[in-house]
Amino acid sequence: ANDYYTNTKKEQEQIVLQSGIDCVVLRPTLMFGWFDRKHLGWLSRFMQKVPIFPIPGDGKYMRQPLYAGDFCAIIMNCLENRIKGKTFNITGLEKIDYIDIIREIKHAIKAKSLILNIPYSFF
């Protein structure tokens, strides 16, 4: 992405990498797991509260969610192997469309919300 948030993150990474501190930069993707208050956890709570759950467009945009426990294992591996001075984009292994994630959440929490595709412009 080329936006303010992404660009400031890249600048911060460069500052840290050039500081002389032994470190590694890990860029996790959409994370999920126990005590998830953001991302999928937020969507889950939202779905329990609304009668209609909107999906922008057809919902067929690929995601690779990363389980928080797997990310912890990656952090441990970096520490144990003293990996430094590198940057890694970290994603989950499974590719899944957004709408399928939402359907799985609905099934898991037994939500009664209607999943409704709506045009991007309306969303």
PDB file of N, CA and C in Angstrom:
ATOM      1  N   ALA A   1       0.840  -1.183   0.000  1.00  0.00           N
ATOM      2  CA  ALA A   1       0.000   0.000   0.000  1.00  0.00           C
ATOM      3  C   ALA A   1       0.881   1.240   0.000  1.00  0.00           C
ATOM      4  N   ASN A   2       0.343   2.284  -0.544  1.00  0.00           N
ATOM      5  CA  ASN A   2       1.032   3.560  -0.547  1.00  0.00           C
ATOM      6  C   ASN A   2       0.126   4.588   0.120  1.00  0.00           C
ATOM      7  N   ASP A   3       0.110   4.562   1.448  1.00  0.00           N
ATOM      8  CA  ASP A   3      -0.694   5.512   2.203  1.00  0.00           C
ATOM      9  C   ASP A   3       0.110   5.985   3.412  1.00  0.00           C
ATOM     10  N   TYR A   4      -0.425   6.967   4.113  1.00  0.00           N
ATOM     11  CA  TYR A   4       0.303   7.574   5.228  1.00  0.00           C
ATOM     12  C   TYR A   4       0.698   6.538   6.282  1.00  0.00           C
ATOM     13  N   TYR A   5      -0.239   5.698   6.683  1.00  0.00           N
ATOM     14  CA  TYR A   5       0.032   4.699   7.713  1.00  0.00           C
ATOM     15  C   TYR A   5       1.179   3.783   7.288  1.00  0.00           C
ATOM     16  N   THR A   6       1.067   3.210   6.081  1.00  0.00           N
ATOM     17  CA  THR A   6       2.087   2.277   5.595  1.00  0.00           C
ATOM     18  C   THR A   6       3.441   2.964   5.456  1.00  0.00           C
ATOM     19  N   ASN A   7       3.436   4.169   4.912  1.00  0.00           N
ATOM     20  CA  ASN A   7       4.701   4.884   4.710  1.00  0.00           C
ATOM     21  C   ASN A   7       5.376   5.235   6.036  1.00  0.00           C
ATOM     22  N   THR A   8       4.607   5.618   7.039  1.00  0.00           N
ATOM     23  CA  THR A   8       5.228   5.933   8.343  1.00  0.00           C
ATOM     24  C   THR A   8       5.754   4.670   9.006  1.00  0.00           C
ATOM     25  N   LYS A   9       5.074   3.543   8.805  1.00  0.00           N
ATOM     26  CA  LYS A   9       5.583   2.278   9.353  1.00  0.00           C
ATOM     27  C   LYS A   9       6.924   1.924   8.710  1.00  0.00           C
ATOM     28  N   LYS A  10       7.015   2.082   7.397  1.00  0.00           N
ATOM     29  CA  LYS A  10       8.269   1.789   6.692  1.00  0.00           C
ATOM     30  C   LYS A  10       9.395   2.705   7.181  1.00  0.00           C
ATOM     31  N   GLU A  11       9.083   3.981   7.384  1.00  0.00           N
ATOM     32  CA  GLU A  11      10.090   4.918   7.896  1.00  0.00           C
ATOM     33  C   GLU A  11      10.562   4.508   9.291  1.00  0.00           C
ATOM     34  N   GLN A  12       9.625   4.106  10.138  1.00  0.00           N
ATOM     35  CA  GLN A  12       9.985   3.666  11.494  1.00  0.00           C
ATOM     36  C   GLN A  12      10.850   2.416  11.450  1.00  0.00           C
ATOM     37  N   GLU A  13      10.530   1.496  10.566  1.00  0.00           N
ATOM     38  CA  GLU A  13      11.337   0.286  10.433  1.00  0.00           C
ATOM     39  C   GLU A  13      12.769   0.633  10.043  1.00  0.00           C
ATOM     40  N   GLN A  14      12.916   1.555   9.104  1.00  0.00           N
ATOM     41  CA  GLN A  14      14.254   1.950   8.668  1.00  0.00           C
ATOM     42  C   GLN A  14      15.041   2.613   9.792  1.00  0.00           C
ATOM     43  N   ILE A  15      14.376   3.426  10.586  1.00  0.00           N
ATOM     44  CA  ILE A  15      15.041   4.070  11.728  1.00  0.00           C
ATOM     45  C   ILE A  15      15.580   3.014  12.682  1.00  0.00           C
ATOM     46  N   VAL A  16      14.754   2.016  12.985  1.00  0.00           N
ATOM     47  CA  VAL A  16      15.158   0.960  13.918  1.00  0.00           C
ATOM     48  C   VAL A  16      16.285   0.122  13.309  1.00  0.00           C
ATOM     49  N   LEU A  17      16.140  -0.269  12.040  1.00  0.00           N
ATOM     50  CA  LEU A  17      17.152  -1.107  11.404  1.00  0.00           C
ATOM     51  C   LEU A  17      18.506  -0.389  11.288  1.00  0.00           C
ATOM     52  N   GLN A  18      18.470   0.921  11.100  1.00  0.00           N
ATOM     53  CA  GLN A  18      19.708   1.693  10.959  1.00  0.00           C
ATOM     54  C   GLN A  18      20.282   2.160  12.299  1.00  0.00           C
ATOM     55  N   SER A  19      19.592   1.860  13.381  1.00  0.00           N
ATOM     56  CA  SER A  19      20.005   2.346  14.700  1.00  0.00           C
ATOM     57  C   SER A  19      21.214   1.599  15.267  1.00  0.00           C
ATOM     58  N   GLY A  20      21.517   0.441  14.701  1.00  0.00           N
ATOM     59  CA  GLY A  20      22.600  -0.365  15.251  1.00  0.00           C
ATOM     60  C   GLY A  20      22.120  -1.381  16.278  1.00  0.00           C
ATOM     61  N   ILE A  21      20.851  -1.324  16.632  1.00  0.00           N
ATOM     62  CA  ILE A  21      20.272  -2.296  17.559  1.00  0.00           C
ATOM     63  C   ILE A  21      20.059  -3.606  16.814  1.00  0.00           C
ATOM     64  N   ASP A  22      20.492  -4.713  17.406  1.00  0.00           N
ATOM     65  CA  ASP A  22      20.237  -6.022  16.790  1.00  0.00           C
ATOM     66  C   ASP A  22      18.738  -6.307  16.852  1.00  0.00           C
ATOM     67  N   CYS A  23      18.135  -6.383  15.699  1.00  0.00           N
ATOM     68  CA  CYS A  23      16.685  -6.604  15.675  1.00  0.00           C
ATOM     69  C   CYS A  23      16.265  -7.222  14.354  1.00  0.00           C
ATOM     70  N   VAL A  24      15.041  -7.665  14.321  1.00  0.00           N
ATOM     71  CA  VAL A  24      14.396  -8.168  13.117  1.00  0.00           C
ATOM     72  C   VAL A  24      13.035  -7.477  13.030  1.00  0.00           C
ATOM     73  N   VAL A  25      12.590  -7.190  11.817  1.00  0.00           N
ATOM     74  CA  VAL A  25      11.278  -6.579  11.612  1.00  0.00           C
ATOM     75  C   VAL A  25      10.333  -7.653  11.106  1.00  0.00           C
ATOM     76  N   LEU A  26       9.264  -7.859  11.833  1.00  0.00           N
ATOM     77  CA  LEU A  26       8.236  -8.819  11.448  1.00  0.00           C
ATOM     78  C   LEU A  26       6.964  -8.058  11.119  1.00  0.00           C
ATOM     79  N   ARG A  27       6.409  -8.328   9.978  1.00  0.00           N
ATOM     80  CA  ARG A  27       5.178  -7.661   9.528  1.00  0.00           C
ATOM     81  C   ARG A  27       4.056  -8.694   9.430  1.00  0.00           C
ATOM     82  N   PRO A  28       3.339  -8.916  10.518  1.00  0.00           N
ATOM     83  CA  PRO A  28       2.262  -9.912  10.461  1.00  0.00           C
ATOM     84  C   PRO A  28       1.049  -9.381   9.704  1.00  0.00           C
ATOM     85  N   THR A  29       0.343 -10.299   9.090  1.00  0.00           N
ATOM     86  CA  THR A  29      -0.886  -9.968   8.390  1.00  0.00           C
ATOM     87  C   THR A  29      -2.048  -9.993   9.388  1.00  0.00           C
ATOM     88  N   LEU A  30      -3.244 -10.099   8.910  1.00  0.00           N
ATOM     89  CA  LEU A  30      -4.437 -10.187   9.738  1.00  0.00           C
ATOM     90  C   LEU A  30      -4.288 -11.327  10.742  1.00  0.00           C
ATOM     91  N   MET A  31      -4.244 -10.976  12.022  1.00  0.00           N
ATOM     92  CA  MET A  31      -4.037 -11.998  13.052  1.00  0.00           C
ATOM     93  C   MET A  31      -5.345 -12.328  13.757  1.00  0.00           C
ATOM     94  N   PHE A  32      -5.398 -13.557  14.275  1.00  0.00           N
ATOM     95  CA  PHE A  32      -6.564 -13.995  15.041  1.00  0.00           C
ATOM     96  C   PHE A  32      -6.093 -14.936  16.137  1.00  0.00           C
ATOM     97  N   GLY A  33      -6.926 -15.119  17.136  1.00  0.00           N
ATOM     98  CA  GLY A  33      -6.603 -16.042  18.216  1.00  0.00           C
ATOM     99  C   GLY A  33      -7.367 -15.688  19.474  1.00  0.00           C
ATOM    100  N   TRP A  34      -7.031 -16.367  20.560  1.00  0.00           N
ATOM    101  CA  TRP A  34      -7.687 -16.130  21.838  1.00  0.00           C
ATOM    102  C   TRP A  34      -7.573 -14.661  22.216  1.00  0.00           C
ATOM    103  N   PHE A  35      -8.621 -14.132  22.815  1.00  0.00           N
ATOM    104  CA  PHE A  35      -8.682 -12.763  23.319  1.00  0.00           C
ATOM    105  C   PHE A  35      -8.539 -11.723  22.204  1.00  0.00           C
ATOM    106  N   ASP A  36      -8.951 -12.074  20.991  1.00  0.00           N
ATOM    107  CA  ASP A  36      -8.895 -11.172  19.846  1.00  0.00           C
ATOM    108  C   ASP A  36      -9.989 -10.118  19.988  1.00  0.00           C
ATOM    109  N   ARG A  37      -9.602  -8.909  20.357  1.00  0.00           N
ATOM    110  CA  ARG A  37     -10.569  -7.823  20.502  1.00  0.00           C
ATOM    111  C   ARG A  37     -10.693  -7.010  19.223  1.00  0.00           C
ATOM    112  N   LYS A  38      -9.720  -7.143  18.341  1.00  0.00           N
ATOM    113  CA  LYS A  38      -9.744  -6.410  17.080  1.00  0.00           C
ATOM    114  C   LYS A  38     -10.001  -7.403  15.958  1.00  0.00           C
ATOM    115  N   HIS A  39      -9.986  -6.935  14.762  1.00  0.00           N
ATOM    116  CA  HIS A  39     -10.059  -7.748  13.559  1.00  0.00           C
ATOM    117  C   HIS A  39     -11.216  -8.751  13.604  1.00  0.00           C
ATOM    118  N   LEU A  40     -10.899 -10.043  13.595  1.00  0.00           N
ATOM    119  CA  LEU A  40     -11.953 -11.056  13.516  1.00  0.00           C
ATOM    120  C   LEU A  40     -12.813 -11.077  14.768  1.00  0.00           C
ATOM    121  N   GLY A  41     -12.224 -10.785  15.912  1.00  0.00           N
ATOM    122  CA  GLY A  41     -12.997 -10.707  17.147  1.00  0.00           C
ATOM    123  C   GLY A  41     -14.030  -9.590  17.095  1.00  0.00           C
ATOM    124  N   TRP A  42     -13.623  -8.440  16.558  1.00  0.00           N
ATOM    125  CA  TRP A  42     -14.542  -7.306  16.426  1.00  0.00           C
ATOM    126  C   TRP A  42     -15.660  -7.660  15.448  1.00  0.00           C
ATOM    127  N   LEU A  43     -15.295  -8.271  14.315  1.00  0.00           N
ATOM    128  CA  LEU A  43     -16.306  -8.666  13.340  1.00  0.00           C
ATOM    129  C   LEU A  43     -17.295  -9.651  13.944  1.00  0.00           C
ATOM    130  N   SER A  44     -16.794 -10.556  14.763  1.00  0.00           N
ATOM    131  CA  SER A  44     -17.647 -11.542  15.428  1.00  0.00           C
ATOM    132  C   SER A  44     -18.655 -10.859  16.351  1.00  0.00           C
ATOM    133  N   ARG A  45     -18.180  -9.938  17.163  1.00  0.00           N
ATOM    134  CA  ARG A  45     -19.085  -9.220  18.075  1.00  0.00           C
ATOM    135  C   ARG A  45     -20.088  -8.367  17.306  1.00  0.00           C
ATOM    136  N   PHE A  46     -19.624  -7.729  16.238  1.00  0.00           N
ATOM    137  CA  PHE A  46     -20.510  -6.918  15.404  1.00  0.00           C
ATOM    138  C   PHE A  46     -21.618  -7.791  14.811  1.00  0.00           C
ATOM    139  N   MET A  47     -21.241  -8.955  14.311  1.00  0.00           N
ATOM    140  CA  MET A  47     -22.205  -9.864  13.698  1.00  0.00           C
ATOM    141  C   MET A  47     -23.277 -10.305  14.700  1.00  0.00           C
ATOM    142  N   GLN A  48     -22.912 -10.453  15.961  1.00  0.00           N
ATOM    143  CA  GLN A  48     -23.877 -10.869  16.977  1.00  0.00           C
ATOM    144  C   GLN A  48     -24.885  -9.772  17.305  1.00  0.00           C
ATOM    145  N   LYS A  49     -24.556  -8.515  16.941  1.00  0.00           N
ATOM    146  CA  LYS A  49     -25.401  -7.383  17.319  1.00  0.00           C
ATOM    147  C   LYS A  49     -26.305  -6.878  16.200  1.00  0.00           C
ATOM    148  N   VAL A  50     -25.987  -7.212  14.956  1.00  0.00           N
ATOM    149  CA  VAL A  50     -26.737  -6.632  13.847  1.00  0.00           C
ATOM    150  C   VAL A  50     -27.538  -7.700  13.101  1.00  0.00           C
ATOM    151  N   PRO A  51     -28.695  -7.315  12.563  1.00  0.00           N
ATOM    152  CA  PRO A  51     -29.483  -8.294  11.807  1.00  0.00           C
ATOM    153  C   PRO A  51     -28.919  -8.548  10.400  1.00  0.00           C
ATOM    154  N   ILE A  52     -28.202  -7.554   9.859  1.00  0.00           N
ATOM    155  CA  ILE A  52     -27.620  -7.686   8.520  1.00  0.00           C
ATOM    156  C   ILE A  52     -26.134  -7.378   8.607  1.00  0.00           C
ATOM    157  N   PHE A  53     -25.333  -8.291   8.090  1.00  0.00           N
ATOM    158  CA  PHE A  53     -23.878  -8.104   8.078  1.00  0.00           C
ATOM    159  C   PHE A  53     -23.462  -7.777   6.643  1.00  0.00           C
ATOM    160  N   PRO A  54     -23.002  -6.539   6.396  1.00  0.00           N
ATOM    161  CA  PRO A  54     -22.682  -6.133   5.026  1.00  0.00           C
ATOM    162  C   PRO A  54     -21.319  -6.647   4.559  1.00  0.00           C
ATOM    163  N   ILE A  55     -21.284  -7.087   3.317  1.00  0.00           N
ATOM    164  CA  ILE A  55     -20.044  -7.515   2.667  1.00  0.00           C
ATOM    165  C   ILE A  55     -19.840  -6.607   1.452  1.00  0.00           C
ATOM    166  N   PRO A  56     -18.739  -5.870   1.409  1.00  0.00           N
ATOM    167  CA  PRO A  56     -18.514  -5.022   0.240  1.00  0.00           C
ATOM    168  C   PRO A  56     -18.247  -5.851  -1.024  1.00  0.00           C
ATOM    169  N   GLY A  57     -18.967  -5.524  -2.090  1.00  0.00           N
ATOM    170  CA  GLY A  57     -18.787  -6.237  -3.354  1.00  0.00           C
ATOM    171  C   GLY A  57     -19.147  -7.706  -3.216  1.00  0.00           C
ATOM    172  N   ASP A  58     -18.401  -8.542  -3.913  1.00  0.00           N
ATOM    173  CA  ASP A  58     -18.694  -9.975  -3.865  1.00  0.00           C
ATOM    174  C   ASP A  58     -17.986 -10.692  -2.711  1.00  0.00           C
ATOM    175  N   GLY A  59     -17.092  -9.964  -1.999  1.00  0.00           N
ATOM    176  CA  GLY A  59     -16.404 -10.552  -0.852  1.00  0.00           C
ATOM    177  C   GLY A  59     -15.295 -11.512  -1.229  1.00  0.00           C
ATOM    178  N   LYS A  60     -15.008 -11.617  -2.497  1.00  0.00           N
ATOM    179  CA  LYS A  60     -13.999 -12.577  -2.975  1.00  0.00           C
ATOM    180  C   LYS A  60     -12.628 -11.902  -3.055  1.00  0.00           C
ATOM    181  N   TYR A  61     -12.130 -11.442  -1.914  1.00  0.00           N
ATOM    182  CA  TYR A  61     -10.766 -10.934  -1.870  1.00  0.00           C
ATOM    183  C   TYR A  61     -10.007 -11.765  -0.857  1.00  0.00           C
ATOM    184  N   MET A  62      -8.893 -12.252  -1.342  1.00  0.00           N
ATOM    185  CA  MET A  62      -8.120 -13.245  -0.611  1.00  0.00           C
ATOM    186  C   MET A  62      -7.458 -12.652   0.631  1.00  0.00           C
ATOM    187  N   ARG A  63      -7.506 -13.433   1.681  1.00  0.00           N
ATOM    188  CA  ARG A  63      -6.833 -13.114   2.942  1.00  0.00           C
ATOM    189  C   ARG A  63      -6.009 -14.331   3.339  1.00  0.00           C
ATOM    190  N   GLN A  64      -4.998 -14.096   4.168  1.00  0.00           N
ATOM    191  CA  GLN A  64      -4.201 -15.184   4.729  1.00  0.00           C
ATOM    192  C   GLN A  64      -4.024 -14.908   6.219  1.00  0.00           C
ATOM    193  N   PRO A  65      -5.096 -15.127   7.002  1.00  0.00           N
ATOM    194  CA  PRO A  65      -5.021 -14.825   8.431  1.00  0.00           C
ATOM    195  C   PRO A  65      -3.931 -15.633   9.132  1.00  0.00           C
ATOM    196  N   LEU A  66      -3.340 -15.027  10.135  1.00  0.00           N
ATOM    197  CA  LEU A  66      -2.236 -15.629  10.869  1.00  0.00           C
ATOM    198  C   LEU A  66      -2.668 -15.872  12.315  1.00  0.00           C
ATOM    199  N   TYR A  67      -2.570 -17.108  12.755  1.00  0.00           N
ATOM    200  CA  TYR A  67      -2.907 -17.447  14.136  1.00  0.00           C
ATOM    201  C   TYR A  67      -1.848 -16.851  15.067  1.00  0.00           C
ATOM    202  N   ALA A  68      -2.289 -16.202  16.128  1.00  0.00           N
ATOM    203  CA  ALA A  68      -1.379 -15.532  17.055  1.00  0.00           C
ATOM    204  C   ALA A  68      -0.342 -16.488  17.640  1.00  0.00           C
ATOM    205  N   GLY A  69      -0.721 -17.729  17.911  1.00  0.00           N
ATOM    206  CA  GLY A  69       0.223 -18.712  18.435  1.00  0.00           C
ATOM    207  C   GLY A  69       1.343 -19.020  17.440  1.00  0.00           C
ATOM    208  N   ASP A  70       1.006 -19.043  16.154  1.00  0.00           N
ATOM    209  CA  ASP A  70       2.033 -19.254  15.128  1.00  0.00           C
ATOM    210  C   ASP A  70       2.993 -18.067  15.078  1.00  0.00           C
ATOM    211  N   PHE A  71       2.449 -16.877  15.245  1.00  0.00           N
ATOM    212  CA  PHE A  71       3.306 -15.691  15.247  1.00  0.00           C
ATOM    213  C   PHE A  71       4.257 -15.718  16.446  1.00  0.00           C
ATOM    214  N   CYS A  72       3.759 -16.164  17.580  1.00  0.00           N
ATOM    215  CA  CYS A  72       4.632 -16.305  18.762  1.00  0.00           C
ATOM    216  C   CYS A  72       5.766 -17.278  18.477  1.00  0.00           C
ATOM    217  N   ALA A  73       5.471 -18.370  17.781  1.00  0.00           N
ATOM    218  CA  ALA A  73       6.509 -19.347  17.434  1.00  0.00           C
ATOM    219  C   ALA A  73       7.550 -18.721  16.508  1.00  0.00           C
ATOM    220  N   ILE A  74       7.124 -17.864  15.598  1.00  0.00           N
ATOM    221  CA  ILE A  74       8.053 -17.172  14.703  1.00  0.00           C
ATOM    222  C   ILE A  74       8.953 -16.236  15.505  1.00  0.00           C
ATOM    223  N   ILE A  75       8.370 -15.516  16.458  1.00  0.00           N
ATOM    224  CA  ILE A  75       9.163 -14.626  17.312  1.00  0.00           C
ATOM    225  C   ILE A  75      10.201 -15.431  18.079  1.00  0.00           C
ATOM    226  N   MET A  76       9.780 -16.541  18.658  1.00  0.00           N
ATOM    227  CA  MET A  76      10.713 -17.394  19.409  1.00  0.00           C
ATOM    228  C   MET A  76      11.843 -17.896  18.511  1.00  0.00           C
ATOM    229  N   ASN A  77      11.511 -18.298  17.297  1.00  0.00           N
ATOM    230  CA  ASN A  77      12.519 -18.776  16.362  1.00  0.00           C
ATOM    231  C   ASN A  77      13.533 -17.678  16.038  1.00  0.00           C
ATOM    232  N   CYS A  78      13.050 -16.475  15.856  1.00  0.00           N
ATOM    233  CA  CYS A  78      13.961 -15.351  15.579  1.00  0.00           C
ATOM    234  C   CYS A  78      14.896 -15.110  16.763  1.00  0.00           C
ATOM    235  N   LEU A  79      14.362 -15.206  17.972  1.00  0.00           N
ATOM    236  CA  LEU A  79      15.192 -15.005  19.165  1.00  0.00           C
ATOM    237  C   LEU A  79      16.209 -16.133  19.326  1.00  0.00           C
ATOM    238  N   GLU A  80      15.750 -17.360  19.185  1.00  0.00           N
ATOM    239  CA  GLU A  80      16.628 -18.513  19.374  1.00  0.00           C
ATOM    240  C   GLU A  80      17.740 -18.576  18.326  1.00  0.00           C
ATOM    241  N   ASN A  81      17.434 -18.140  17.118  1.00  0.00           N
ATOM    242  CA  ASN A  81      18.421 -18.188  16.039  1.00  0.00           C
ATOM    243  C   ASN A  81      19.127 -16.853  15.817  1.00  0.00           C
ATOM    244  N   ARG A  82      18.860 -15.920  16.710  1.00  0.00           N
ATOM    245  CA  ARG A  82      19.509 -14.599  16.672  1.00  0.00           C
ATOM    246  C   ARG A  82      19.443 -13.952  15.284  1.00  0.00           C
ATOM    247  N   ILE A  83      18.275 -14.013  14.699  1.00  0.00           N
ATOM    248  CA  ILE A  83      18.068 -13.390  13.394  1.00  0.00           C
ATOM    249  C   ILE A  83      18.018 -11.883  13.588  1.00  0.00           C
ATOM    250  N   LYS A  84      18.754 -11.169  12.766  1.00  0.00           N
ATOM    251  CA  LYS A  84      18.795  -9.709  12.919  1.00  0.00           C
ATOM    252  C   LYS A  84      19.033  -9.045  11.569  1.00  0.00           C
ATOM    253  N   GLY A  85      18.612  -7.798  11.504  1.00  0.00           N
ATOM    254  CA  GLY A  85      18.844  -6.995  10.318  1.00  0.00           C
ATOM    255  C   GLY A  85      18.011  -7.382   9.111  1.00  0.00           C
ATOM    256  N   LYS A  86      16.959  -8.156   9.330  1.00  0.00           N
ATOM    257  CA  LYS A  86      16.116  -8.594   8.222  1.00  0.00           C
ATOM    258  C   LYS A  86      14.669  -8.176   8.456  1.00  0.00           C
ATOM    259  N   THR A  87      13.905  -8.174   7.381  1.00  0.00           N
ATOM    260  CA  THR A  87      12.490  -7.845   7.430  1.00  0.00           C
ATOM    261  C   THR A  87      11.711  -8.985   6.790  1.00  0.00           C
ATOM    262  N   PHE A  88      10.645  -9.423   7.469  1.00  0.00           N
ATOM    263  CA  PHE A  88       9.824 -10.522   6.971  1.00  0.00           C
ATOM    264  C   PHE A  88       8.351 -10.140   6.972  1.00  0.00           C
ATOM    265  N   ASN A  89       7.684 -10.357   5.855  1.00  0.00           N
ATOM    266  CA  ASN A  89       6.228 -10.263   5.798  1.00  0.00           C
ATOM    267  C   ASN A  89       5.698 -11.629   6.210  1.00  0.00           C
ATOM    268  N   ILE A  90       4.876 -11.662   7.243  1.00  0.00           N
ATOM    269  CA  ILE A  90       4.394 -12.923   7.804  1.00  0.00           C
ATOM    270  C   ILE A  90       2.897 -13.064   7.515  1.00  0.00           C
ATOM    271  N   THR A  91       2.532 -14.168   6.865  1.00  0.00           N
ATOM    272  CA  THR A  91       1.121 -14.443   6.603  1.00  0.00           C
ATOM    273  C   THR A  91       0.806 -15.865   7.045  1.00  0.00           C
ATOM    274  N   GLY A  92      -0.476 -16.137   7.168  1.00  0.00           N
ATOM    275  CA  GLY A  92      -0.890 -17.509   7.400  1.00  0.00           C
ATOM    276  C   GLY A  92      -0.708 -18.307   6.117  1.00  0.00           C
ATOM    277  N   LEU A  93      -0.683 -19.613   6.215  1.00  0.00           N
ATOM    278  CA  LEU A  93      -0.469 -20.454   5.041  1.00  0.00           C
ATOM    279  C   LEU A  93      -1.732 -20.630   4.196  1.00  0.00           C
ATOM    280  N   GLU A  94      -2.885 -20.620   4.865  1.00  0.00           N
ATOM    281  CA  GLU A  94      -4.137 -20.880   4.153  1.00  0.00           C
ATOM    282  C   GLU A  94      -4.664 -19.608   3.502  1.00  0.00           C
ATOM    283  N   LYS A  95      -5.017 -19.726   2.222  1.00  0.00           N
ATOM    284  CA  LYS A  95      -5.639 -18.617   1.498  1.00  0.00           C
ATOM    285  C   LYS A  95      -7.146 -18.809   1.558  1.00  0.00           C
ATOM    286  N   ILE A  96      -7.843 -17.750   1.958  1.00  0.00           N
ATOM    287  CA  ILE A  96      -9.299 -17.842   2.101  1.00  0.00           C
ATOM    288  C   ILE A  96      -9.911 -16.497   1.735  1.00  0.00           C
ATOM    289  N   ASP A  97     -11.032 -16.529   1.031  1.00  0.00           N
ATOM    290  CA  ASP A  97     -11.726 -15.294   0.689  1.00  0.00           C
ATOM    291  C   ASP A  97     -12.390 -14.702   1.925  1.00  0.00           C
ATOM    292  N   TYR A  98     -12.466 -13.375   1.947  1.00  0.00           N
ATOM    293  CA  TYR A  98     -13.064 -12.659   3.076  1.00  0.00           C
ATOM    294  C   TYR A  98     -14.465 -13.173   3.381  1.00  0.00           C
ATOM    295  N   ILE A  99     -15.280 -13.339   2.357  1.00  0.00           N
ATOM    296  CA  ILE A  99     -16.657 -13.778   2.591  1.00  0.00           C
ATOM    297  C   ILE A  99     -16.695 -15.161   3.242  1.00  0.00           C
ATOM    298  N   ASP A 100     -15.737 -16.011   2.921  1.00  0.00           N
ATOM    299  CA  ASP A 100     -15.691 -17.335   3.540  1.00  0.00           C
ATOM    300  C   ASP A 100     -15.272 -17.247   5.008  1.00  0.00           C
ATOM    301  N   ILE A 101     -14.412 -16.302   5.327  1.00  0.00           N
ATOM    302  CA  ILE A 101     -14.073 -16.059   6.743  1.00  0.00           C
ATOM    303  C   ILE A 101     -15.326 -15.652   7.500  1.00  0.00           C
ATOM    304  N   ILE A 102     -16.082 -14.742   6.909  1.00  0.00           N
ATOM    305  CA  ILE A 102     -17.307 -14.249   7.559  1.00  0.00           C
ATOM    306  C   ILE A 102     -18.308 -15.386   7.726  1.00  0.00           C
ATOM    307  N   ARG A 103     -18.439 -16.237   6.745  1.00  0.00           N
ATOM    308  CA  ARG A 103     -19.353 -17.388   6.856  1.00  0.00           C
ATOM    309  C   ARG A 103     -18.912 -18.334   7.967  1.00  0.00           C
ATOM    310  N   GLU A 104     -17.611 -18.552   8.082  1.00  0.00           N
ATOM    311  CA  GLU A 104     -17.084 -19.416   9.149  1.00  0.00           C
ATOM    312  C   GLU A 104     -17.352 -18.805  10.524  1.00  0.00           C
ATOM    313  N   ILE A 105     -17.158 -17.505  10.646  1.00  0.00           N
ATOM    314  CA  ILE A 105     -17.444 -16.828  11.922  1.00  0.00           C
ATOM    315  C   ILE A 105     -18.922 -16.987  12.258  1.00  0.00           C
ATOM    316  N   LYS A 106     -19.787 -16.746  11.279  1.00  0.00           N
ATOM    317  CA  LYS A 106     -21.231 -16.874  11.509  1.00  0.00           C
ATOM    318  C   LYS A 106     -21.578 -18.270  12.010  1.00  0.00           C
ATOM    319  N   HIS A 107     -21.010 -19.268  11.375  1.00  0.00           N
ATOM    320  CA  HIS A 107     -21.268 -20.661  11.774  1.00  0.00           C
ATOM    321  C   HIS A 107     -20.729 -20.930  13.191  1.00  0.00           C
ATOM    322  N   ALA A 108     -19.522 -20.466  13.468  1.00  0.00           N
ATOM    323  CA  ALA A 108     -18.880 -20.744  14.761  1.00  0.00           C
ATOM    324  C   ALA A 108     -19.624 -20.111  15.935  1.00  0.00           C
ATOM    325  N   ILE A 109     -20.150 -18.901  15.730  1.00  0.00           N
ATOM    326  CA  ILE A 109     -20.827 -18.209  16.840  1.00  0.00           C
ATOM    327  C   ILE A 109     -22.342 -18.382  16.783  1.00  0.00           C
ATOM    328  N   LYS A 110     -22.799 -19.127  15.775  1.00  0.00           N
ATOM    329  CA  LYS A 110     -24.236 -19.379  15.588  1.00  0.00           C
ATOM    330  C   LYS A 110     -25.037 -18.075  15.493  1.00  0.00           C
ATOM    331  N   ALA A 111     -24.487 -17.124  14.744  1.00  0.00           N
ATOM    332  CA  ALA A 111     -25.147 -15.831  14.569  1.00  0.00           C
ATOM    333  C   ALA A 111     -26.342 -15.969  13.634  1.00  0.00           C
ATOM    334  N   LYS A 112     -27.303 -15.114  13.838  1.00  0.00           N
ATOM    335  CA  LYS A 112     -28.504 -15.137  13.018  1.00  0.00           C
ATOM    336  C   LYS A 112     -28.469 -14.047  11.941  1.00  0.00           C
ATOM    337  N   SER A 113     -27.418 -13.255  11.904  1.00  0.00           N
ATOM    338  CA  SER A 113     -27.303 -12.174  10.922  1.00  0.00           C
ATOM    339  C   SER A 113     -27.390 -12.698   9.502  1.00  0.00           C
ATOM    340  N   LEU A 114     -28.030 -11.910   8.653  1.00  0.00           N
ATOM    341  CA  LEU A 114     -28.057 -12.188   7.226  1.00  0.00           C
ATOM    342  C   LEU A 114     -26.793 -11.577   6.626  1.00  0.00           C
ATOM    343  N   ILE A 115     -26.025 -12.374   5.922  1.00  0.00           N
ATOM    344  CA  ILE A 115     -24.844 -11.855   5.232  1.00  0.00           C
ATOM    345  C   ILE A 115     -25.319 -11.310   3.891  1.00  0.00           C
ATOM    346  N   LEU A 116     -25.061 -10.016   3.660  1.00  0.00           N
ATOM    347  CA  LEU A 116     -25.597  -9.352   2.480  1.00  0.00           C
ATOM    348  C   LEU A 116     -24.487  -8.642   1.715  1.00  0.00           C
ATOM    349  N   ASN A 117     -24.311  -9.023   0.459  1.00  0.00           N
ATOM    350  CA  ASN A 117     -23.352  -8.343  -0.406  1.00  0.00           C
ATOM    351  C   ASN A 117     -23.950  -7.012  -0.847  1.00  0.00           C
ATOM    352  N   ILE A 118     -23.154  -5.963  -0.734  1.00  0.00           N
ATOM    353  CA  ILE A 118     -23.621  -4.639  -1.164  1.00  0.00           C
ATOM    354  C   ILE A 118     -22.553  -4.008  -2.064  1.00  0.00           C
ATOM    355  N   PRO A 119     -22.965  -3.107  -2.942  1.00  0.00           N
ATOM    356  CA  PRO A 119     -21.988  -2.451  -3.838  1.00  0.00           C
ATOM    357  C   PRO A 119     -20.939  -1.673  -3.030  1.00  0.00           C
ATOM    358  N   TYR A 120     -19.716  -1.647  -3.555  1.00  0.00           N
ATOM    359  CA  TYR A 120     -18.637  -0.908  -2.895  1.00  0.00           C
ATOM    360  C   TYR A 120     -19.033   0.537  -2.628  1.00  0.00           C
ATOM    361  N   SER A 121     -19.668   1.182  -3.606  1.00  0.00           N
ATOM    362  CA  SER A 121     -20.019   2.599  -3.465  1.00  0.00           C
ATOM    363  C   SER A 121     -20.971   2.834  -2.298  1.00  0.00           C
ATOM    364  N   PHE A 122     -21.873   1.890  -2.056  1.00  0.00           N
ATOM    365  CA  PHE A 122     -22.809   2.012  -0.941  1.00  0.00           C
ATOM    366  C   PHE A 122     -22.122   1.744   0.377  1.00  0.00           C
ATOM    367  N   PHE A 123     -21.195   0.807   0.375  1.00  0.00           N
ATOM    368  CA  PHE A 123     -20.475   0.437   1.580  1.00  0.00           C
ATOM    369  C   PHE A 123     -19.681   1.623   2.098  1.00  0.00           C
TER     370      PHE A 123
END
